[in-house]
C-alpha atoms as a PDB file:
ATOM      1  CA  UNK A   1       0.000   0.000   0.000  1.00  0.00           C
ATOM      2  CA  UNK A   2       2.922   2.312   0.861  1.00  0.00           C
ATOM      3  CA  UNK A   3       4.592   1.705  -2.539  1.00  0.00           C
ATOM      4  CA  UNK A   4       1.291   2.261  -4.293  1.00  0.00           C
ATOM      5  CA  UNK A   5       0.937   5.683  -2.617  1.00  0.00           C
ATOM      6  CA  UNK A   6       4.428   6.780  -3.689  1.00  0.00           C
ATOM      7  CA  UNK A   7       3.792   5.559  -7.213  1.00  0.00           C
ATOM      8  CA  UNK A   8       0.619   7.605  -7.407  1.00  0.00           C
ATOM      9  CA  UNK A   9       2.448  10.620  -5.973  1.00  0.00           C
ATOM     10  CA  UNK A  10       5.275  10.318  -8.512  1.00  0.00           C
ATOM     11  CA  UNK A  11       2.784   9.907 -11.337  1.00  0.00           C
ATOM     12  CA  UNK A  12       0.851  12.987 -10.203  1.00  0.00           C
ATOM     13  CA  UNK A  13       4.042  15.036  -9.923  1.00  0.00           C
ATOM     14  CA  UNK A  14       5.150  13.875 -13.357  1.00  0.00           C
ATOM     15  CA  UNK A  15       1.784  14.870 -14.829  1.00  0.00           C
ATOM     16  CA  UNK A  16       1.904  18.302 -13.170  1.00  0.00           C
ATOM     17  CA  UNK A  17       5.494  18.934 -14.247  1.00  0.00           C
ATOM     18  CA  UNK A  18       4.718  17.849 -17.792  1.00  0.00           C
ATOM     19  CA  UNK A  19       1.717  20.176 -17.878  1.00  0.00           C
ATOM     20  CA  UNK A  20       3.862  23.044 -16.593  1.00  0.00           C
ATOM     21  CA  UNK A  21       6.504  22.266 -19.214  1.00  0.00           C
ATOM     22  CA  UNK A  22       3.925  22.272 -22.016  1.00  0.00           C
ATOM     23  CA  UNK A  23       2.389  25.520 -20.728  1.00  0.00           C
ATOM     24  CA  UNK A  24       5.783  27.239 -20.483  1.00  0.00           C
ATOM     25  CA  UNK A  25       6.688  26.015 -23.965  1.00  0.00           C
ATOM     26  CA  UNK A  26       3.445  27.328 -25.469  1.00  0.00           C
ATOM     27  CA  UNK A  27       3.760  30.700 -23.706  1.00  0.00           C
ATOM     28  CA  UNK A  28       7.395  31.007 -24.789  1.00  0.00           C
ATOM     29  CA  UNK A  29       6.470  30.206 -28.383  1.00  0.00           C
ATOM     30  CA  UNK A  30       3.687  32.823 -28.334  1.00  0.00           C
ATOM     31  CA  UNK A  31       6.026  35.443 -26.861  1.00  0.00           C
ATOM     32  CA  UNK A  32       8.732  34.683 -29.415  1.00  0.00           C
ATOM     33  CA  UNK A  33       6.201  34.850 -32.251  1.00  0.00           C
ATOM     34  CA  UNK A  34       4.867  38.155 -30.921  1.00  0.00           C
ATOM     35  CA  UNK A  35       8.368  39.607 -30.667  1.00  0.00           C
ATOM     36  CA  UNK A  36       9.162  38.441 -34.196  1.00  0.00           C
ATOM     37  CA  UNK A  37       5.977  40.004 -35.593  1.00  0.00           C
ATOM     38  CA  UNK A  38       6.741  43.301 -33.818  1.00  0.00           C
ATOM     39  CA  UNK A  39      10.287  43.194 -35.164  1.00  0.00           C
ATOM     40  CA  UNK A  40       9.085  42.580 -38.724  1.00  0.00           C
ATOM     41  CA  UNK A  41       6.484  45.359 -38.509  1.00  0.00           C
ATOM     42  CA  UNK A  42       9.070  47.787 -37.167  1.00  0.00           C
ATOM     43  CA  UNK A  43      11.535  46.722 -39.847  1.00  0.00           C
ATOM     44  CA  UNK A  44       8.899  47.139 -42.568  1.00  0.00           C
ATOM     45  CA  UNK A  45       7.964  50.587 -41.276  1.00  0.00           C
ATOM     46  CA  UNK A  46      11.629  51.576 -41.258  1.00  0.00           C
ATOM     47  CA  UNK A  47      12.061  50.303 -44.821  1.00  0.00           C
ATOM     48  CA  UNK A  48       8.990  52.225 -45.975  1.00  0.00           C
ATOM     49  CA  UNK A  49      10.334  55.436 -44.466  1.00  0.00           C
ATOM     50  CA  UNK A  50      13.636  54.887 -46.276  1.00  0.00           C
ATOM     51  CA  UNK A  51      11.796  54.304 -49.555  1.00  0.00           C
ATOM     52  CA  UNK A  52       9.700  57.472 -49.170  1.00  0.00           C
ATOM     53  CA  UNK A  53      12.838  59.452 -48.314  1.00  0.00           C
ATOM     54  CA  UNK A  54      14.539  58.052 -51.426  1.00  0.00           C
ATOM     55  CA  UNK A  55      11.523  58.979 -53.584  1.00  0.00           C
ATOM     56  CA  UNK A  56      11.626  62.553 -52.299  1.00  0.00           C
ATOM     57  CA  UNK A  57      15.365  62.795 -53.021  1.00  0.00           C
ATOM     58  CA  UNK A  58      14.830  61.540 -56.578  1.00  0.00           C
ATOM     59  CA  UNK A  59      12.033  64.058 -57.124  1.00  0.00           C
ATOM     60  CA  UNK A  60      14.218  66.879 -55.771  1.00  0.00           C
ATOM     61  CA  UNK A  61      17.067  65.988 -58.148  1.00  0.00           C
ATOM     62  CA  UNK A  62      14.794  65.795 -61.198  1.00  0.00           C
ATOM     63  CA  UNK A  63      12.902  68.949 -60.284  1.00  0.00           C
ATOM     64  CA  UNK A  64      16.093  70.930 -59.668  1.00  0.00           C
ATOM     65  CA  UNK A  65      17.570  69.666 -62.932  1.00  0.00           C
ATOM     66  CA  UNK A  66      14.419  70.706 -64.761  1.00  0.00           C
ATOM     67  CA  UNK A  67      14.590  74.210 -63.283  1.00  0.00           C
ATOM     68  CA  UNK A  68      18.264  74.555 -64.234  1.00  0.00           C
ATOM     69  CA  UNK A  69      17.746  73.403 -67.816  1.00  0.00           C
ATOM     70  CA  UNK A  70      14.639  75.551 -68.121  1.00  0.00           C
ATOM     71  CA  UNK A  71      16.594  78.606 -67.008  1.00  0.00           C
ATOM     72  CA  UNK A  72      19.247  77.750 -69.601  1.00  0.00           C
ATOM     73  CA  UNK A  73      16.577  77.220 -72.284  1.00  0.00           C
ATOM     74  CA  UNK A  74      17.939  73.750 -73.063  1.00  0.00           C
ATOM     75  CA  UNK A  75      14.888  71.583 -73.686  1.00  0.00           C
ATOM     76  CA  UNK A  76      17.036  68.753 -75.054  1.00  0.00           C
ATOM     77  CA  UNK A  77      18.420  67.969 -71.621  1.00  0.00           C
ATOM     78  CA  UNK A  78      15.339  68.113 -69.434  1.00  0.00           C
ATOM     79  CA  UNK A  79      15.921  64.506 -68.454  1.00  0.00           C
ATOM     80  CA  UNK A  80      18.470  62.503 -66.473  1.00  0.00           C
ATOM     81  CA  UNK A  81      19.729  58.961 -66.879  1.00  0.00           C
ATOM     82  CA  UNK A  82      18.314  56.709 -64.168  1.00  0.00           C
ATOM     83  CA  UNK A  83      21.793  55.329 -63.511  1.00  0.00           C
ATOM     84  CA  UNK A  84      23.136  58.859 -63.087  1.00  0.00           C
ATOM     85  CA  UNK A  85      20.526  59.656 -60.430  1.00  0.00           C
ATOM     86  CA  UNK A  86      21.253  56.343 -58.725  1.00  0.00           C
ATOM     87  CA  UNK A  87      24.978  57.081 -58.642  1.00  0.00           C
ATOM     88  CA  UNK A  88      24.288  60.438 -56.988  1.00  0.00           C
ATOM     89  CA  UNK A  89      22.182  58.912 -54.229  1.00  0.00           C
ATOM     90  CA  UNK A  90      23.888  55.553 -53.660  1.00  0.00           C
ATOM     91  CA  UNK A  91      27.566  55.789 -52.682  1.00  0.00           C
ATOM     92  CA  UNK A  92      29.608  52.815 -53.950  1.00  0.00           C
ATOM     93  CA  UNK A  93      30.312  51.677 -50.389  1.00  0.00           C
ATOM     94  CA  UNK A  94      26.571  51.471 -49.594  1.00  0.00           C
ATOM     95  CA  UNK A  95      25.193  50.580 -53.020  1.00  0.00           C
ATOM     96  CA  UNK A  96      24.644  46.894 -52.315  1.00  0.00           C
ATOM     97  CA  UNK A  97      22.885  47.641 -49.013  1.00  0.00           C
ATOM     98  CA  UNK A  98      20.683  50.403 -50.445  1.00  0.00           C
ATOM     99  CA  UNK A  99      19.843  48.674 -53.736  1.00  0.00           C
ATOM    100  CA  UNK A 100      16.518  47.173 -52.465  1.00  0.00           C
ATOM    101  CA  UNK A 101      15.458  50.633 -51.241  1.00  0.00           C
ATOM    102  CA  UNK A 102      16.351  52.107 -54.621  1.00  0.00           C
ATOM    103  CA  UNK A 103      14.444  49.387 -56.511  1.00  0.00           C
ATOM    104  CA  UNK A 104      11.325  49.948 -54.382  1.00  0.00           C
ATOM    105  CA  UNK A 105      11.554  53.729 -54.902  1.00  0.00           C
ATOM    106  CA  UNK A 106      11.849  53.271 -58.685  1.00  0.00           C
ATOM    107  CA  UNK A 107       8.810  50.977 -58.644  1.00  0.00           C
ATOM    108  CA  UNK A 108       6.842  53.478 -56.571  1.00  0.00           C
ATOM    109  CA  UNK A 109       7.648  56.353 -58.949  1.00  0.00           C
ATOM    110  CA  UNK A 110       6.583  54.267 -61.955  1.00  0.00           C
ATOM    111  CA  UNK A 111       3.232  53.494 -60.307  1.00  0.00           C
ATOM    112  CA  UNK A 112       2.398  56.814 -58.630  1.00  0.00           C
ATOM    113  CA  UNK A 113       4.323  59.799 -59.991  1.00  0.00           C
ATOM    114  CA  UNK A 114       2.555  61.384 -62.968  1.00  0.00           C
ATOM    115  CA  UNK A 115       5.218  64.071 -63.457  1.00  0.00           C
ATOM    116  CA  UNK A 116       8.028  61.601 -64.188  1.00  0.00           C
ATOM    117  CA  UNK A 117       8.088  59.530 -67.366  1.00  0.00           C
ATOM    118  CA  UNK A 118      10.539  56.712 -68.034  1.00  0.00           C
ATOM    119  CA  UNK A 119      12.030  56.886 -71.526  1.00  0.00           C
ATOM    120  CA  UNK A 120      14.920  55.410 -73.505  1.00  0.00           C
ATOM    121  CA  UNK A 121      17.403  57.907 -74.914  1.00  0.00           C
ATOM    122  CA  UNK A 122      20.627  57.686 -76.879  1.00  0.00           C
ATOM    123  CA  UNK A 123      23.415  59.298 -74.842  1.00  0.00           C
ATOM    124  CA  UNK A 124      26.937  59.279 -76.280  1.00  0.00           C
ATOM    125  CA  UNK A 125      25.896  56.546 -78.720  1.00  0.00           C
ATOM    126  CA  UNK A 126      24.584  54.313 -75.932  1.00  0.00           C
ATOM    127  CA  UNK A 127      20.994  53.635 -74.939  1.00  0.00           C
ATOM    128  CA  UNK A 128      20.032  54.619 -71.407  1.00  0.00           C
ATOM    129  CA  UNK A 129      16.808  54.626 -69.459  1.00  0.00           C
ATOM    130  CA  UNK A 130      16.110  58.220 -68.466  1.00  0.00           C
ATOM    131  CA  UNK A 131      13.624  60.065 -66.304  1.00  0.00           C
ATOM    132  CA  UNK A 132      11.906  62.974 -68.002  1.00  0.00           C
ATOM    133  CA  UNK A 133      10.349  65.543 -65.684  1.00  0.00           C
ATOM    134  CA  UNK A 134       7.055  67.122 -66.744  1.00  0.00           C
ATOM    135  CA  UNK A 135       6.190  70.230 -64.793  1.00  0.00           C
ATOM    136  CA  UNK A 136       2.434  70.381 -64.022  1.00  0.00           C
ATOM    137  CA  UNK A 137       0.805  73.180 -65.968  1.00  0.00           C
ATOM    138  CA  UNK A 138      -0.424  76.216 -64.089  1.00  0.00           C
ATOM    139  CA  UNK A 139      -3.859  75.610 -65.539  1.00  0.00           C
ATOM    140  CA  UNK A 140      -4.246  72.359 -63.638  1.00  0.00           C
ATOM    141  CA  UNK A 141      -2.723  73.733 -60.446  1.00  0.00           C
ATOM    142  CA  UNK A 142      -1.668  71.535 -57.552  1.00  0.00           C
ATOM    143  CA  UNK A 143      -2.773  67.916 -57.783  1.00  0.00           C
ATOM    144  CA  UNK A 144      -3.129  64.809 -55.636  1.00  0.00           C
ATOM    145  CA  UNK A 145      -0.804  62.143 -57.008  1.00  0.00           C
ATOM    146  CA  UNK A 146      -1.469  58.908 -55.170  1.00  0.00           C
ATOM    147  CA  UNK A 147      -1.506  57.138 -51.841  1.00  0.00           C
ATOM    148  CA  UNK A 148       1.540  55.901 -49.976  1.00  0.00           C
ATOM    149  CA  UNK A 149       0.074  53.922 -47.076  1.00  0.00           C
ATOM    150  CA  UNK A 150      -1.996  51.236 -48.758  1.00  0.00           C
ATOM    151  CA  UNK A 151      -5.495  51.148 -50.171  1.00  0.00           C
ATOM    152  CA  UNK A 152      -7.749  54.123 -49.630  1.00  0.00           C
ATOM    153  CA  UNK A 153     -10.595  53.323 -47.271  1.00  0.00           C
ATOM    154  CA  UNK A 154     -12.521  56.581 -47.390  1.00  0.00           C
ATOM    155  CA  UNK A 155     -15.223  55.123 -49.624  1.00  0.00           C
ATOM    156  CA  UNK A 156     -15.488  51.673 -48.057  1.00  0.00           C
ATOM    157  CA  UNK A 157     -18.786  51.686 -46.271  1.00  0.00           C
ATOM    158  CA  UNK A 158     -20.701  54.773 -45.258  1.00  0.00           C
ATOM    159  CA  UNK A 159     -21.400  53.244 -41.833  1.00  0.00           C
ATOM    160  CA  UNK A 160     -17.722  52.905 -40.943  1.00  0.00           C
ATOM    161  CA  UNK A 161     -17.015  54.398 -37.499  1.00  0.00           C
ATOM    162  CA  UNK A 162     -13.829  56.441 -37.522  1.00  0.00           C
ATOM    163  CA  UNK A 163     -12.484  57.602 -34.180  1.00  0.00           C
ATOM    164  CA  UNK A 164     -10.953  61.028 -33.690  1.00  0.00           C
ATOM    165  CA  UNK A 165     -10.351  62.593 -30.264  1.00  0.00           C
ATOM    166  CA  UNK A 166     -10.887  66.123 -31.597  1.00  0.00           C
ATOM    167  CA  UNK A 167     -12.489  67.861 -34.605  1.00  0.00           C
ATOM    168  CA  UNK A 168      -9.284  69.833 -35.269  1.00  0.00           C
ATOM    169  CA  UNK A 169      -6.405  68.684 -37.481  1.00  0.00           C
ATOM    170  CA  UNK A 170      -2.906  69.812 -38.441  1.00  0.00           C
ATOM    171  CA  UNK A 171      -1.771  68.885 -41.961  1.00  0.00           C
ATOM    172  CA  UNK A 172       1.927  68.901 -42.879  1.00  0.00           C
ATOM    173  CA  UNK A 173       3.782  69.031 -46.240  1.00  0.00           C
ATOM    174  CA  UNK A 174       1.017  70.650 -48.280  1.00  0.00           C
ATOM    175  CA  UNK A 175       3.437  73.213 -49.753  1.00  0.00           C
ATOM    176  CA  UNK A 176       6.948  74.641 -49.672  1.00  0.00           C
ATOM    177  CA  UNK A 177       6.798  78.343 -48.864  1.00  0.00           C
ATOM    178  CA  UNK A 178      10.326  78.831 -50.245  1.00  0.00           C
ATOM    179  CA  UNK A 179       9.300  77.968 -53.805  1.00  0.00           C
ATOM    180  CA  UNK A 180       5.699  79.175 -53.955  1.00  0.00           C
ATOM    181  CA  UNK A 181       5.655  82.218 -56.226  1.00  0.00           C
ATOM    182  CA  UNK A 182       2.196  82.258 -57.796  1.00  0.00           C
ATOM    183  CA  UNK A 183      -0.363  84.841 -56.778  1.00  0.00           C
ATOM    184  CA  UNK A 184      -2.804  83.532 -54.168  1.00  0.00           C
ATOM    185  CA  UNK A 185      -1.176  80.089 -54.183  1.00  0.00           C
ATOM    186  CA  UNK A 186      -2.597  79.444 -50.722  1.00  0.00           C
ATOM    187  CA  UNK A 187      -6.080  79.420 -52.276  1.00  0.00           C
ATOM    188  CA  UNK A 188      -5.009  76.492 -54.465  1.00  0.00           C
ATOM    189  CA  UNK A 189      -3.890  74.621 -51.344  1.00  0.00           C
ATOM    190  CA  UNK A 190      -7.212  75.329 -49.639  1.00  0.00           C
ATOM    191  CA  UNK A 191      -9.163  74.196 -52.702  1.00  0.00           C
ATOM    192  CA  UNK A 192      -7.112  70.995 -52.940  1.00  0.00           C
ATOM    193  CA  UNK A 193      -8.029  70.013 -49.371  1.00  0.00           C
ATOM    194  CA  UNK A 194     -11.698  70.867 -49.815  1.00  0.00           C
ATOM    195  CA  UNK A 195     -11.799  68.957 -53.111  1.00  0.00           C
ATOM    196  CA  UNK A 196     -10.166  65.890 -51.569  1.00  0.00           C
ATOM    197  CA  UNK A 197     -12.804  65.957 -48.811  1.00  0.00           C
ATOM    198  CA  UNK A 198     -15.616  66.925 -51.186  1.00  0.00           C
ATOM    199  CA  UNK A 199     -17.943  64.075 -50.164  1.00  0.00           C
ATOM    200  CA  UNK A 200     -17.820  64.938 -46.465  1.00  0.00           C
ATOM    201  CA  UNK A 201     -19.186  68.492 -46.484  1.00  0.00           C
ATOM    202  CA  UNK A 202     -17.860  68.955 -42.960  1.00  0.00           C
ATOM    203  CA  UNK A 203     -14.865  71.350 -42.932  1.00  0.00           C
ATOM    204  CA  UNK A 204     -15.992  74.576 -41.246  1.00  0.00           C
ATOM    205  CA  UNK A 205     -12.665  76.400 -40.825  1.00  0.00           C
ATOM    206  CA  UNK A 206      -9.307  76.228 -42.581  1.00  0.00           C
ATOM    207  CA  UNK A 207      -6.085  78.208 -42.283  1.00  0.00           C
ATOM    208  CA  UNK A 208      -2.995  77.985 -44.509  1.00  0.00           C
ATOM    209  CA  UNK A 209       0.101  79.057 -42.575  1.00  0.00           C
ATOM    210  CA  UNK A 210       2.028  80.660 -45.439  1.00  0.00           C
ATOM    211  CA  UNK A 211       5.065  81.231 -43.185  1.00  0.00           C
ATOM    212  CA  UNK A 212       5.307  77.594 -42.102  1.00  0.00           C
ATOM    213  CA  UNK A 213       8.518  75.766 -42.990  1.00  0.00           C
ATOM    214  CA  UNK A 214       6.642  72.468 -42.706  1.00  0.00           C
ATOM    215  CA  UNK A 215       3.903  73.451 -45.160  1.00  0.00           C
ATOM    216  CA  UNK A 216       1.222  73.380 -42.456  1.00  0.00           C
ATOM    217  CA  UNK A 217      -2.512  73.777 -42.918  1.00  0.00           C
ATOM    218  CA  UNK A 218      -4.947  73.760 -39.996  1.00  0.00           C
ATOM    219  CA  UNK A 219      -8.591  72.810 -40.246  1.00  0.00           C
ATOM    220  CA  UNK A 220     -11.613  72.246 -38.067  1.00  0.00           C
ATOM    221  CA  UNK A 221     -14.443  69.867 -38.898  1.00  0.00           C
ATOM    222  CA  UNK A 222     -18.038  69.859 -37.747  1.00  0.00           C
ATOM    223  CA  UNK A 223     -17.527  66.776 -35.550  1.00  0.00           C
ATOM    224  CA  UNK A 224     -14.924  64.304 -34.330  1.00  0.00           C
ATOM    225  CA  UNK A 225     -16.233  61.660 -36.722  1.00  0.00           C
ATOM    226  CA  UNK A 226     -15.923  64.092 -39.641  1.00  0.00           C
ATOM    227  CA  UNK A 227     -12.341  64.870 -38.583  1.00  0.00           C
ATOM    228  CA  UNK A 228     -11.574  61.151 -38.586  1.00  0.00           C
ATOM    229  CA  UNK A 229     -12.881  60.844 -42.139  1.00  0.00           C
ATOM    230  CA  UNK A 230     -10.930  63.921 -43.240  1.00  0.00           C
ATOM    231  CA  UNK A 231      -7.735  62.514 -41.749  1.00  0.00           C
ATOM    232  CA  UNK A 232      -8.353  59.225 -43.542  1.00  0.00           C
ATOM    233  CA  UNK A 233      -8.777  61.089 -46.840  1.00  0.00           C
ATOM    234  CA  UNK A 234      -5.573  63.137 -46.470  1.00  0.00           C
ATOM    235  CA  UNK A 235      -3.005  61.275 -44.378  1.00  0.00           C
ATOM    236  CA  UNK A 236      -0.407  59.347 -46.363  1.00  0.00           C
ATOM    237  CA  UNK A 237      -1.217  60.880 -49.763  1.00  0.00           C
ATOM    238  CA  UNK A 238       1.239  62.453 -52.177  1.00  0.00           C
ATOM    239  CA  UNK A 239       0.399  66.043 -53.060  1.00  0.00           C
ATOM    240  CA  UNK A 240       2.505  68.185 -55.397  1.00  0.00           C
ATOM    241  CA  UNK A 241       5.480  65.870 -54.850  1.00  0.00           C
ATOM    242  CA  UNK A 242       5.248  65.867 -51.042  1.00  0.00           C
ATOM    243  CA  UNK A 243       4.020  63.203 -48.641  1.00  0.00           C
ATOM    244  CA  UNK A 244       1.157  64.635 -46.566  1.00  0.00           C
ATOM    245  CA  UNK A 245       0.770  63.713 -42.899  1.00  0.00           C
ATOM    246  CA  UNK A 246      -2.059  64.614 -40.517  1.00  0.00           C
ATOM    247  CA  UNK A 247      -2.234  64.781 -36.715  1.00  0.00           C
ATOM    248  CA  UNK A 248      -4.913  65.804 -34.223  1.00  0.00           C
ATOM    249  CA  UNK A 249      -4.950  69.133 -32.370  1.00  0.00           C
ATOM    250  CA  UNK A 250      -6.638  69.947 -29.080  1.00  0.00           C
ATOM    251  CA  UNK A 251      -9.787  71.979 -29.640  1.00  0.00           C
ATOM    252  CA  UNK A 252      -9.008  74.572 -26.960  1.00  0.00           C
ATOM    253  CA  UNK A 253      -5.579  75.234 -28.491  1.00  0.00           C
ATOM    254  CA  UNK A 254      -7.174  75.613 -31.912  1.00  0.00           C
ATOM    255  CA  UNK A 255      -9.797  78.072 -30.645  1.00  0.00           C
ATOM    256  CA  UNK A 256      -7.151  80.017 -28.745  1.00  0.00           C
ATOM    257  CA  UNK A 257      -5.213  80.595 -31.962  1.00  0.00           C
ATOM    258  CA  UNK A 258      -8.264  81.119 -34.198  1.00  0.00           C
ATOM    259  CA  UNK A 259     -11.153  82.410 -32.047  1.00  0.00           C
ATOM    260  CA  UNK A 260     -13.376  82.818 -35.106  1.00  0.00           C
ATOM    261  CA  UNK A 261     -13.387  79.036 -35.527  1.00  0.00           C
ATOM    262  CA  UNK A 262     -15.313  78.603 -32.266  1.00  0.00           C
ATOM    263  CA  UNK A 263     -18.607  79.658 -33.863  1.00  0.00           C
ATOM    264  CA  UNK A 264     -17.902  78.362 -37.379  1.00  0.00           C
ATOM    265  CA  UNK A 265     -20.645  75.968 -38.490  1.00  0.00           C
ATOM    266  CA  UNK A 266     -21.082  76.520 -42.242  1.00  0.00           C
ATOM    267  CA  UNK A 267     -19.304  73.884 -44.395  1.00  0.00           C
ATOM    268  CA  UNK A 268     -16.667  75.386 -46.692  1.00  0.00           C
ATOM    269  CA  UNK A 269     -16.700  74.828 -50.451  1.00  0.00           C
ATOM    270  CA  UNK A 270     -13.929  74.988 -53.095  1.00  0.00           C
ATOM    271  CA  UNK A 271     -13.716  78.279 -54.980  1.00  0.00           C
ATOM    272  CA  UNK A 272     -14.649  76.511 -58.246  1.00  0.00           C
ATOM    273  CA  UNK A 273     -16.443  73.353 -59.350  1.00  0.00           C
ATOM    274  CA  UNK A 274     -13.590  72.237 -61.627  1.00  0.00           C
ATOM    275  CA  UNK A 275     -11.907  69.939 -59.073  1.00  0.00           C
ATOM    276  CA  UNK A 276      -8.494  70.749 -60.535  1.00  0.00           C
ATOM    277  CA  UNK A 277      -6.517  68.940 -57.841  1.00  0.00           C
ATOM    278  CA  UNK A 278      -8.357  65.728 -58.785  1.00  0.00           C
ATOM    279  CA  UNK A 279      -8.200  66.317 -62.538  1.00  0.00           C
ATOM    280  CA  UNK A 280      -5.395  63.814 -63.146  1.00  0.00           C
ATOM    281  CA  UNK A 281      -5.801  60.097 -62.405  1.00  0.00           C
ATOM    282  CA  UNK A 282      -3.798  58.672 -59.546  1.00  0.00           C
ATOM    283  CA  UNK A 283      -2.996  55.164 -58.438  1.00  0.00           C
ATOM    284  CA  UNK A 284      -4.202  53.675 -55.173  1.00  0.00           C
ATOM    285  CA  UNK A 285      -1.891  50.681 -55.045  1.00  0.00           C
ATOM    286  CA  UNK A 286       0.252  50.289 -51.960  1.00  0.00           C
ATOM    287  CA  UNK A 287       4.013  50.146 -52.142  1.00  0.00           C
ATOM    288  CA  UNK A 288       5.239  46.577 -52.533  1.00  0.00           C
ATOM    289  CA  UNK A 289       8.346  46.066 -50.459  1.00  0.00           C
ATOM    290  CA  UNK A 290      11.054  43.749 -51.739  1.00  0.00           C
END
């Protein structure tokens, strides 16, 4: 009887220890999987930021080259060899490491940038792929060029609940005050935002900070839900060659800076019905990372 008791005790302990071992193993596996997923998401986000930074550098080089050749009245050279741009941005010592970022940026430009056309040109008796910059005409004004952060969800379901802690928003990268030289250019920026949010009919106040180095525009919507929809329509979109970002602002801070916005209730409308900022087609495909 005594041996039988010890046998049962050992068997019970073995069962408990085995259960603990299995539980610890499962928990450890879940934790490791969670850490790996977080690592991959962080790595992907970092790669995306590098790609967007590379795209902006490419656009700056092509735009500056266009302005220089335009000033020199040399229409024959308003393009640059793709390899030449790559060599400017990718030092030989880092070329292998940065090549995937470059490839993704080239793919993104081909899919989303309407002002850059890929052509084949004969340069010094050799064929090269070149980028040709096409400056948007003043008639069309500033335009929305595509989405950077995946598929647009603004039209997916009218019953979608979109959370926003405040009806006030701050929009960055809508313009570059150092290069804006048209008369009343800030009106074009205002119209572009109102046109992009045309189906919401909810923006009651808007202010373009023409002195802002970050290209900031501030707006107030009629409700928190409307602000959430406006943010969804604007955040992560390319506009006039710049990546637009949107953040929330506290309502009391907004009213302190613009007291007239406190009593604003009438939805604002674009100055015309032409929808010029939406006049050119854009792509809604997300950036495929390699």
